[in-house]
Amino acid sequence: MKEELDNKINQVLSGWATPSIKSKKTVWAAIAAQIKEEPAQVIPLHKWRWVAAASVLLIAVSLGAFYSAQVTINTQSQKLAFTLPDGSNVDLNKNSTASYNTLLWYLNRSVSLSGEGFFTVKKGKKFSVNTKNGTVTVLGTSFNVLARKNNFAVACFTGKVVVANGVNTTIITKGEIVTQSVKQTLIKEQLAANTEATPAWLTENYSYNNKKLASVLADISAHFEIKISASSKINKLSFTGAWDKSMTLDEVLQIVCLPFELEAISVSDANVKIQKIEE
């Protein structure tokens, strides 16, 4: 570096007419004396420790704020309604869990769901419901999401809903429902003509039009908090009929079973098996 600087100064001085009283060597020495290399800035080790400690503290505070802003709602044998930060409403069915983050809400309107919930969404940015079975995305609408074990169904009551399960994506509008098959195919159908503006589990007035018996039994199971088992052949049967919250379990099972010559056998206090009537 110094040798290169000397050469440049000599090139410049070669074209100068120096005063007779000073030689080029004397002028160069005077200029070189004024040129100082700026020393490198050195941060003492103890200051680096303070910087590292401050960074760790900042990360810890940020993580603490994130997790303290996480809200989780669990229901067991009761239904629960709550309001999200933007004014959207959620009705959570029994044995369901929903969670969201208040800190990130206005950047990402997102709710995680396990179980079943009915959402009435305020218009605005994209709103997502994330489940292990798939994702539901809307802008402003009302819809019901069921995500229990391998069961995944989304019913649209107003507006438009995008349903994606990682393999397929479909769009449903008011009066349509999409269910997921064993092979993750999304099957779109029409809701029953007399369907109310909210899902049956909210009003507890159940009505079916050519519905697979597996779905009907699932509703009965959730409503009465019992386990109902049936063969795959029975589950594939299609049922048309209705029942409501005023009926007893025995009455509901008779309505569902008699048209197919089936019977309900009590295995235990909370376990019922559906089978063909034995002659």
Protein backbone atom coordinates (compact mmCIF):
# COMPACT_ATOMS: atom_id res chain seq x y z
CA MET A 1 0.00 0.00 0.00
CA LYS A 2 2.79 2.47 0.95
CA GLU A 3 4.84 1.64 -2.13
CA GLU A 4 1.82 2.26 -4.37
CA LEU A 5 1.17 5.59 -2.63
CA ASP A 6 4.81 6.63 -3.10
CA ASN A 7 4.62 5.93 -6.84
CA LYS A 8 1.44 8.00 -7.25
CA ILE A 9 2.91 10.95 -5.38
CA ASN A 10 6.10 10.78 -7.47
CA GLN A 11 4.01 10.79 -10.69
CA VAL A 12 2.19 13.90 -9.56
CA LEU A 13 5.34 15.66 -8.38
CA SER A 14 7.15 14.90 -11.61
CA GLY A 15 5.03 17.48 -13.38
CA TRP A 16 5.48 20.19 -10.78
CA ALA A 17 7.91 23.01 -10.96
CA THR A 18 9.24 23.07 -7.42
CA PRO A 19 10.61 26.25 -5.89
CA SER A 20 14.32 26.52 -6.01
CA ILE A 21 14.58 26.56 -2.27
CA LYS A 22 12.83 23.14 -1.92
CA SER A 23 13.62 19.86 -3.60
CA LYS A 24 11.07 17.30 -4.70
CA LYS A 25 12.25 15.06 -1.91
CA THR A 26 11.52 17.78 0.65
CA VAL A 27 8.03 18.46 -0.75
CA TRP A 28 7.19 14.76 -0.81
CA ALA A 29 8.22 14.41 2.83
CA ALA A 30 5.96 17.29 3.81
CA ILE A 31 2.97 15.82 1.99
CA ALA A 32 3.56 12.30 3.27
CA ALA A 33 3.71 13.61 6.81
CA GLN A 34 0.16 14.90 6.45
CA ILE A 35 -1.23 11.59 5.12
CA LYS A 36 -2.32 9.32 7.92
CA GLU A 37 -4.01 5.97 7.58
CA GLU A 38 -7.19 5.82 9.64
CA PRO A 39 -6.73 3.22 12.36
CA ALA A 40 -9.10 0.22 12.39
CA GLN A 41 -11.91 0.46 14.95
CA VAL A 42 -11.51 -2.17 17.61
CA ILE A 43 -14.41 -3.08 19.90
CA PRO A 44 -13.22 -4.45 23.22
CA LEU A 45 -14.25 -8.03 24.02
CA HIS A 46 -16.34 -6.98 27.00
CA LYS A 47 -18.47 -4.75 24.71
CA TRP A 48 -19.09 -7.68 22.33
CA ARG A 49 -20.41 -9.62 25.31
CA TRP A 50 -22.88 -6.84 26.07
CA VAL A 51 -24.01 -6.80 22.42
CA ALA A 52 -24.53 -10.60 22.45
CA ALA A 53 -26.43 -10.42 25.74
CA ALA A 54 -28.68 -7.66 24.41
CA SER A 55 -29.42 -9.72 21.27
CA VAL A 56 -30.34 -12.78 23.31
CA LEU A 57 -32.57 -10.64 25.55
CA LEU A 58 -34.31 -9.14 22.51
CA ILE A 59 -35.00 -12.60 21.06
CA ALA A 60 -36.30 -13.83 24.42
CA VAL A 61 -38.61 -10.83 24.78
CA SER A 62 -39.88 -11.29 21.20
CA LEU A 63 -40.59 -14.98 21.75
CA GLY A 64 -42.26 -14.21 25.06
CA ALA A 65 -44.51 -11.63 23.42
CA PHE A 66 -45.38 -14.09 20.61
CA TYR A 67 -46.35 -16.94 22.93
CA SER A 68 -48.18 -14.71 25.40
CA ALA A 69 -50.28 -13.47 22.48
CA GLN A 70 -51.27 -17.05 21.56
CA VAL A 71 -54.89 -17.76 22.51
CA THR A 72 -56.24 -21.33 22.72
CA ILE A 73 -59.88 -22.26 23.33
CA ASN A 74 -60.77 -25.84 24.32
CA THR A 75 -64.27 -27.24 24.64
CA GLN A 76 -65.15 -30.56 26.19
CA SER A 77 -68.79 -31.43 26.78
CA GLN A 78 -70.08 -27.96 25.94
CA LYS A 79 -70.27 -25.58 23.00
CA LEU A 80 -68.57 -22.20 23.16
CA ALA A 81 -68.84 -18.96 21.17
CA PHE A 82 -66.10 -16.32 21.01
CA THR A 83 -65.11 -13.24 18.98
CA LEU A 84 -61.82 -12.80 17.13
CA PRO A 85 -59.82 -9.51 17.21
CA ASP A 86 -61.36 -8.25 13.93
CA GLY A 87 -64.94 -8.90 15.07
CA SER A 88 -65.33 -12.25 13.28
CA ASN A 89 -67.32 -14.80 15.31
CA VAL A 90 -66.65 -18.46 15.98
CA ASP A 91 -69.02 -21.07 17.41
CA LEU A 92 -67.01 -24.05 18.61
CA ASN A 93 -68.65 -27.45 18.88
CA LYS A 94 -68.09 -29.91 21.72
CA ASN A 95 -64.65 -31.58 22.00
CA SER A 96 -62.97 -29.02 19.76
CA THR A 97 -59.91 -26.76 19.94
CA ALA A 98 -59.22 -23.43 18.22
CA SER A 99 -56.15 -21.19 18.51
CA TYR A 100 -54.92 -17.87 17.06
CA ASN A 101 -52.30 -15.20 17.75
CA THR A 102 -53.45 -11.69 18.72
CA LEU A 103 -50.00 -10.18 18.01
CA LEU A 104 -49.95 -11.34 14.39
CA TRP A 105 -53.69 -11.22 13.76
CA TYR A 106 -53.87 -8.13 11.54
CA LEU A 107 -50.93 -9.38 9.47
CA ASN A 108 -52.37 -12.87 9.11
CA ARG A 109 -56.00 -13.66 9.99
CA SER A 110 -55.48 -17.33 10.73
CA VAL A 111 -57.14 -19.83 13.09
CA SER A 112 -55.99 -23.38 13.78
CA LEU A 113 -58.85 -25.82 14.33
CA SER A 114 -59.24 -29.37 15.56
CA GLY A 115 -62.84 -30.55 15.80
CA GLU A 116 -65.73 -28.50 14.45
CA GLY A 117 -66.45 -24.79 14.24
CA PHE A 118 -68.86 -22.39 12.52
CA PHE A 119 -67.22 -19.15 11.34
CA THR A 120 -68.87 -15.84 10.52
CA VAL A 121 -66.07 -13.78 9.02
CA LYS A 122 -65.85 -10.00 8.73
CA LYS A 123 -64.87 -8.78 5.27
CA GLY A 124 -61.22 -7.83 4.93
CA LYS A 125 -57.92 -9.52 4.15
CA LYS A 126 -57.66 -13.25 3.60
CA PHE A 127 -59.00 -15.36 6.47
CA SER A 128 -57.75 -18.93 6.89
CA VAL A 129 -58.77 -21.91 8.98
CA ASN A 130 -55.95 -24.44 9.20
CA THR A 131 -56.56 -28.09 10.09
CA LYS A 132 -54.47 -31.23 9.80
CA ASN A 133 -56.82 -32.37 7.01
CA GLY A 134 -56.78 -29.20 4.90
CA THR A 135 -57.05 -25.41 4.75
CA VAL A 136 -60.13 -23.23 4.24
CA THR A 137 -59.64 -19.70 2.87
CA VAL A 138 -62.18 -16.87 2.58
CA LEU A 139 -62.47 -13.07 2.47
CA GLY A 140 -65.83 -12.62 4.18
CA THR A 141 -68.47 -15.31 4.56
CA SER A 142 -70.01 -17.87 6.92
CA PHE A 143 -69.05 -21.52 6.79
CA ASN A 144 -68.70 -24.66 8.89
CA VAL A 145 -65.54 -26.74 9.16
CA LEU A 146 -65.41 -30.33 10.46
CA ALA A 147 -61.94 -31.78 10.99
CA ARG A 148 -61.99 -34.81 13.27
CA LYS A 149 -59.47 -37.59 12.69
CA ASN A 150 -59.90 -38.56 9.02
CA ASN A 151 -63.20 -36.70 8.59
CA PHE A 152 -62.98 -33.39 6.75
CA ALA A 153 -66.02 -31.46 5.54
CA VAL A 154 -66.67 -27.79 4.77
CA ALA A 155 -70.15 -26.31 4.27
CA CYS A 156 -70.68 -22.80 2.89
CA PHE A 157 -73.69 -20.82 4.13
CA THR A 158 -72.85 -17.41 2.59
CA GLY A 159 -70.17 -16.12 0.24
CA LYS A 160 -67.45 -18.24 -1.31
CA VAL A 161 -64.95 -20.68 0.22
CA VAL A 162 -61.70 -22.15 -1.11
CA VAL A 163 -60.90 -25.62 0.25
CA ALA A 164 -57.46 -27.22 -0.20
CA ASN A 165 -56.09 -30.45 1.28
CA GLY A 166 -52.58 -30.45 -0.20
CA VAL A 167 -53.66 -32.73 -3.05
CA ASN A 168 -56.76 -31.05 -4.47
CA THR A 169 -58.35 -27.60 -4.34
CA THR A 170 -61.98 -26.65 -4.96
CA ILE A 171 -64.30 -23.67 -4.51
CA ILE A 172 -67.77 -23.89 -2.98
CA THR A 173 -70.47 -21.25 -2.70
CA LYS A 174 -73.65 -20.77 -0.66
CA GLY A 175 -75.61 -24.01 -0.27
CA GLU A 176 -72.70 -26.34 -1.11
CA ILE A 177 -70.65 -28.75 0.97
CA VAL A 178 -67.37 -30.48 0.19
CA THR A 179 -66.20 -33.69 1.86
CA GLN A 180 -62.95 -35.59 1.61
CA SER A 181 -62.80 -39.23 0.52
CA VAL A 182 -60.35 -41.82 1.81
CA LYS A 183 -58.14 -41.08 -1.23
CA GLN A 184 -58.24 -37.31 -0.40
CA THR A 185 -60.57 -36.53 -3.29
CA LEU A 186 -62.72 -33.47 -2.57
CA ILE A 187 -66.37 -34.27 -3.30
CA LYS A 188 -68.75 -31.34 -3.80
CA GLU A 189 -72.50 -31.70 -3.07
CA GLN A 190 -75.56 -29.56 -2.44
CA LEU A 191 -76.79 -28.99 1.09
CA ALA A 192 -80.34 -30.10 1.83
CA ALA A 193 -82.93 -27.67 0.46
CA ASN A 194 -84.31 -26.93 3.92
CA THR A 195 -80.91 -26.27 5.47
CA GLU A 196 -80.94 -23.33 7.88
CA ALA A 197 -78.50 -20.42 7.86
CA THR A 198 -76.38 -22.20 10.47
CA PRO A 199 -75.19 -25.82 10.84
CA ALA A 200 -77.48 -28.38 12.45
CA TRP A 201 -75.25 -28.90 15.49
CA LEU A 202 -75.86 -25.27 16.52
CA THR A 203 -79.66 -25.46 16.41
CA GLU A 204 -79.69 -29.21 17.15
CA ASN A 205 -82.33 -29.71 14.44
CA TYR A 206 -80.88 -32.32 12.10
CA SER A 207 -82.20 -32.91 8.59
CA TYR A 208 -80.74 -35.17 5.90
CA ASN A 209 -81.40 -35.74 2.23
CA ASN A 210 -79.76 -38.87 0.83
CA LYS A 211 -76.88 -38.53 3.32
CA LYS A 212 -74.38 -41.31 4.00
CA LEU A 213 -75.26 -43.08 7.21
CA ALA A 214 -71.70 -42.61 8.48
CA SER A 215 -72.26 -38.83 8.65
CA VAL A 216 -75.66 -39.25 10.32
CA LEU A 217 -74.21 -41.57 12.96
CA ALA A 218 -71.35 -39.12 13.52
CA ASP A 219 -73.89 -36.38 14.33
CA ILE A 220 -75.75 -38.65 16.73
CA SER A 221 -72.48 -39.70 18.35
CA ALA A 222 -71.38 -36.07 18.89
CA HIS A 223 -74.80 -34.92 20.13
CA PHE A 224 -75.28 -37.69 22.71
CA GLU A 225 -71.54 -38.03 23.46
CA ILE A 226 -71.37 -41.74 22.76
CA LYS A 227 -69.39 -43.99 20.45
CA ILE A 228 -71.34 -45.60 17.61
CA SER A 229 -69.77 -48.33 15.50
CA ALA A 230 -71.03 -49.91 12.28
CA SER A 231 -69.64 -51.92 9.38
CA SER A 232 -68.39 -50.17 6.26
CA LYS A 233 -71.37 -51.61 4.35
CA ILE A 234 -73.81 -50.00 6.77
CA ASN A 235 -71.92 -46.70 6.78
CA LYS A 236 -72.30 -46.43 3.00
CA LEU A 237 -76.11 -46.55 3.15
CA SER A 238 -77.93 -43.30 2.28
CA PHE A 239 -80.40 -41.83 4.75
CA THR A 240 -83.22 -39.29 4.33
CA GLY A 241 -84.98 -38.06 7.44
CA ALA A 242 -84.76 -35.74 10.46
CA TRP A 243 -84.41 -35.64 14.24
CA ASP A 244 -83.98 -32.91 16.84
CA LYS A 245 -82.74 -32.22 20.36
CA SER A 246 -86.13 -33.01 21.95
CA MET A 247 -85.76 -36.72 21.13
CA THR A 248 -84.06 -39.37 23.23
CA LEU A 249 -81.15 -41.46 21.95
CA ASP A 250 -83.41 -44.51 21.55
CA GLU A 251 -85.93 -42.53 19.51
CA VAL A 252 -83.24 -41.15 17.20
CA LEU A 253 -81.65 -44.56 16.66
CA GLN A 254 -85.04 -46.06 15.77
CA ILE A 255 -85.64 -43.33 13.17
CA VAL A 256 -82.26 -44.03 11.60
CA CYS A 257 -82.17 -47.82 11.87
CA LEU A 258 -85.70 -49.04 11.04
CA PRO A 259 -85.71 -48.03 7.32
CA PHE A 260 -82.71 -50.34 6.77
CA GLU A 261 -83.83 -53.16 9.11
CA LEU A 262 -80.99 -52.34 11.46
CA GLU A 263 -80.85 -52.41 15.24
CA ALA A 264 -78.77 -50.63 17.86
CA ILE A 265 -77.11 -52.87 20.43
CA SER A 266 -75.82 -51.28 23.63
CA VAL A 267 -72.26 -52.51 24.20
CA SER A 268 -71.71 -50.29 27.25
CA ASP A 269 -73.05 -47.04 28.71
CA ALA A 270 -71.22 -45.01 26.08
CA ASN A 271 -70.82 -47.51 23.25
CA VAL A 272 -73.47 -48.59 20.72
CA LYS A 273 -73.13 -50.97 17.80
CA ILE A 274 -75.37 -50.82 14.70
CA GLN A 275 -76.04 -54.12 12.98
CA LYS A 276 -78.55 -56.01 10.88
CA ILE A 277 -81.61 -57.27 12.79
CA GLU A 278 -81.06 -60.90 13.63
CA GLU A 279 -83.91 -63.20 12.65
